[in-house]
C-alpha atoms as a PDB file:
ATOM      1  CA  MET A   1      10.830  -0.681  -6.431  1.00  0.00           C
ATOM      2  CA  GLY A   2       8.218   0.185  -9.046  1.00  0.00           C
ATOM      3  CA  CYS A   3       6.046  -2.945  -8.658  1.00  0.00           C
ATOM      4  CA  THR A   4       2.355  -3.062  -7.822  1.00  0.00           C
ATOM      5  CA  PRO A   5       1.697  -5.186  -4.721  1.00  0.00           C
ATOM      6  CA  THR A   6      -1.417  -7.372  -4.681  1.00  0.00           C
ATOM      7  CA  PHE A   7      -3.944  -7.023  -1.841  1.00  0.00           C
ATOM      8  CA  TYR A   8      -4.614 -10.205   0.147  1.00  0.00           C
ATOM      9  CA  PRO A   9      -6.689  -8.936   3.092  1.00  0.00           C
ATOM     10  CA  LEU A  10      -7.416 -12.176   4.945  1.00  0.00           C
ATOM     11  CA  PRO A  11      -4.964 -14.153   7.092  1.00  0.00           C
ATOM     12  CA  HIS A  12      -4.143 -17.626   5.757  1.00  0.00           C
ATOM     13  CA  ALA A  13      -1.809 -20.435   6.809  1.00  0.00           C
ATOM     14  CA  SER A  14      -0.207 -20.827   3.386  1.00  0.00           C
ATOM     15  CA  ASP A  15      -1.658 -18.575   0.687  1.00  0.00           C
ATOM     16  CA  PRO A  16      -0.195 -16.322  -0.713  1.00  0.00           C
ATOM     17  CA  ALA A  17       2.752 -17.001   1.649  1.00  0.00           C
ATOM     18  CA  PRO A  18       3.361 -19.147   4.744  1.00  0.00           C
ATOM     19  CA  ASP A  19       1.709 -17.702   7.888  1.00  0.00           C
ATOM     20  CA  TRP A  20       0.139 -14.887   5.873  1.00  0.00           C
ATOM     21  CA  PRO A  21      -1.235 -12.237   8.299  1.00  0.00           C
ATOM     22  CA  GLY A  22      -3.179 -10.274   5.660  1.00  0.00           C
ATOM     23  CA  GLY A  23      -1.939  -7.258   3.726  1.00  0.00           C
ATOM     24  CA  TYR A  24      -0.101  -6.660   0.466  1.00  0.00           C
ATOM     25  CA  LEU A  25       2.403  -8.892  -1.329  1.00  0.00           C
ATOM     26  CA  CYS A  26       4.621  -7.961  -4.253  1.00  0.00           C
ATOM     27  CA  PRO A  27       4.517 -10.772  -6.820  1.00  0.00           C
ATOM     28  CA  CYS A  28       7.825  -9.644  -8.372  1.00  0.00           C
ATOM     29  CA  HIS A  29      10.242  -9.695  -5.452  1.00  0.00           C
ATOM     30  CA  GLY A  30       8.202 -10.952  -2.489  1.00  0.00           C
ATOM     31  CA  SER A  31       8.088  -7.839  -0.323  1.00  0.00           C
ATOM     32  CA  ARG A  32       5.315  -7.946   2.255  1.00  0.00           C
ATOM     33  CA  TYR A  33       3.285  -5.075   3.708  1.00  0.00           C
ATOM     34  CA  ASP A  34       0.701  -5.028   6.482  1.00  0.00           C
ATOM     35  CA  LEU A  35      -2.869  -3.805   5.978  1.00  0.00           C
ATOM     36  CA  ALA A  36      -1.739  -0.194   6.560  1.00  0.00           C
ATOM     37  CA  GLY A  37       0.970  -0.475   3.868  1.00  0.00           C
ATOM     38  CA  ARG A  38       3.924  -0.690   6.272  1.00  0.00           C
ATOM     39  CA  VAL A  39       6.775  -2.778   4.921  1.00  0.00           C
ATOM     40  CA  PHE A  40       7.809  -5.913   6.814  1.00  0.00           C
ATOM     41  CA  LYS A  41      11.352  -6.328   8.091  1.00  0.00           C
ATOM     42  CA  ASP A  42      13.903  -8.331   6.045  1.00  0.00           C
ATOM     43  CA  VAL A  43      12.239  -7.932   2.632  1.00  0.00           C
ATOM     44  CA  PRO A  44      13.713  -6.259  -0.486  1.00  0.00           C
ATOM     45  CA  ALA A  45      11.453  -3.181  -0.411  1.00  0.00           C
ATOM     46  CA  PRO A  46      13.083  -0.328   1.517  1.00  0.00           C
ATOM     47  CA  TYR A  47       9.977   1.794   2.245  1.00  0.00           C
ATOM     48  CA  ASN A  48       6.317   1.715   3.239  1.00  0.00           C
ATOM     49  CA  LEU A  49       3.686   2.066   0.509  1.00  0.00           C
ATOM     50  CA  PRO A  50       2.753   5.709  -0.160  1.00  0.00           C
ATOM     51  CA  VAL A  51      -0.730   6.929   0.738  1.00  0.00           C
ATOM     52  CA  PRO A  52      -2.498   7.913  -2.492  1.00  0.00           C
ATOM     53  CA  PRO A  53      -4.337  11.209  -2.849  1.00  0.00           C
ATOM     54  CA  TYR A  54      -7.960  11.120  -1.699  1.00  0.00           C
ATOM     55  CA  ARG A  55     -10.887  13.383  -1.050  1.00  0.00           C
ATOM     56  CA  PHE A  56     -14.140  13.134   0.864  1.00  0.00           C
ATOM     57  CA  VAL A  57     -17.061  13.169  -1.557  1.00  0.00           C
ATOM     58  CA  GLY A  58     -19.690  13.003   1.171  1.00  0.00           C
ATOM     59  CA  ASP A  59     -20.175  12.006   4.793  1.00  0.00           C
ATOM     60  CA  THR A  60     -19.737   8.301   3.987  1.00  0.00           C
ATOM     61  CA  THR A  61     -17.768   8.296   0.710  1.00  0.00           C
ATOM     62  CA  ILE A  62     -14.049   8.710   0.008  1.00  0.00           C
ATOM     63  CA  ARG A  63     -12.722   8.972  -3.543  1.00  0.00           C
ATOM     64  CA  ILE A  64      -9.255   7.397  -3.766  1.00  0.00           C
ATOM     65  CA  GLY A  65      -6.844   8.668  -6.414  1.00  0.00           C
ATOM     66  CA  GLU A  66      -8.269  12.167  -6.689  1.00  0.00           C
ATOM     67  CA  ASN A  67      -6.752  15.257  -5.103  1.00  0.00           C
ATOM     68  CA  PRO A  68      -8.834  17.364  -2.740  1.00  0.00           C
ATOM     69  CA  GLY A  69     -10.027  20.624  -4.255  1.00  0.00           C
ATOM     70  CA  ASN A  70      -7.252  23.176  -4.861  1.00  0.00           C
ATOM     71  CA  ALA A  71      -4.543  20.642  -3.904  1.00  0.00           C
ATOM     72  CA  LYS A  72      -1.791  19.211  -6.043  1.00  0.00           C
ATOM     73  CA  PHE A  73      -0.234  15.828  -5.310  1.00  0.00           C
ATOM     74  CA  ASP A  74       2.879  14.471  -6.959  1.00  0.00           C
ATOM     75  CA  PHE A  75       4.188  10.989  -6.087  1.00  0.00           C
ATOM     76  CA  ASN A  76       7.693  12.195  -7.011  1.00  0.00           C
ATOM     77  CA  ALA A  77       7.503  14.678  -4.130  1.00  0.00           C
ATOM     78  CA  ILE A  78       7.224  11.909  -1.496  1.00  0.00           C
ATOM     79  CA  LEU A  79      10.182  11.897   0.869  1.00  0.00           C
ATOM     80  CA  GLN A  80      10.962   8.376   2.078  1.00  0.00           C
ATOM     81  CA  ILE A  81      12.784   8.246   5.394  1.00  0.00           C
END
């Protein structure tokens, strides 16, 4: 829906929502996503969160938001099913 969900990783009884299991919450329309970015049932958002481009910089480091070498990534090319 074009919003940026906020990451709330820890479960909580009331914050940011009742019976919060941990994950992502959209402050605009209240859609909820689990820690893997999968959308909860019965919320406004129709799809899971897309996985951003990433590349392995070393054996223990991943750089998020950067394409692997010789790869092109375009968010507009994501097919939501």
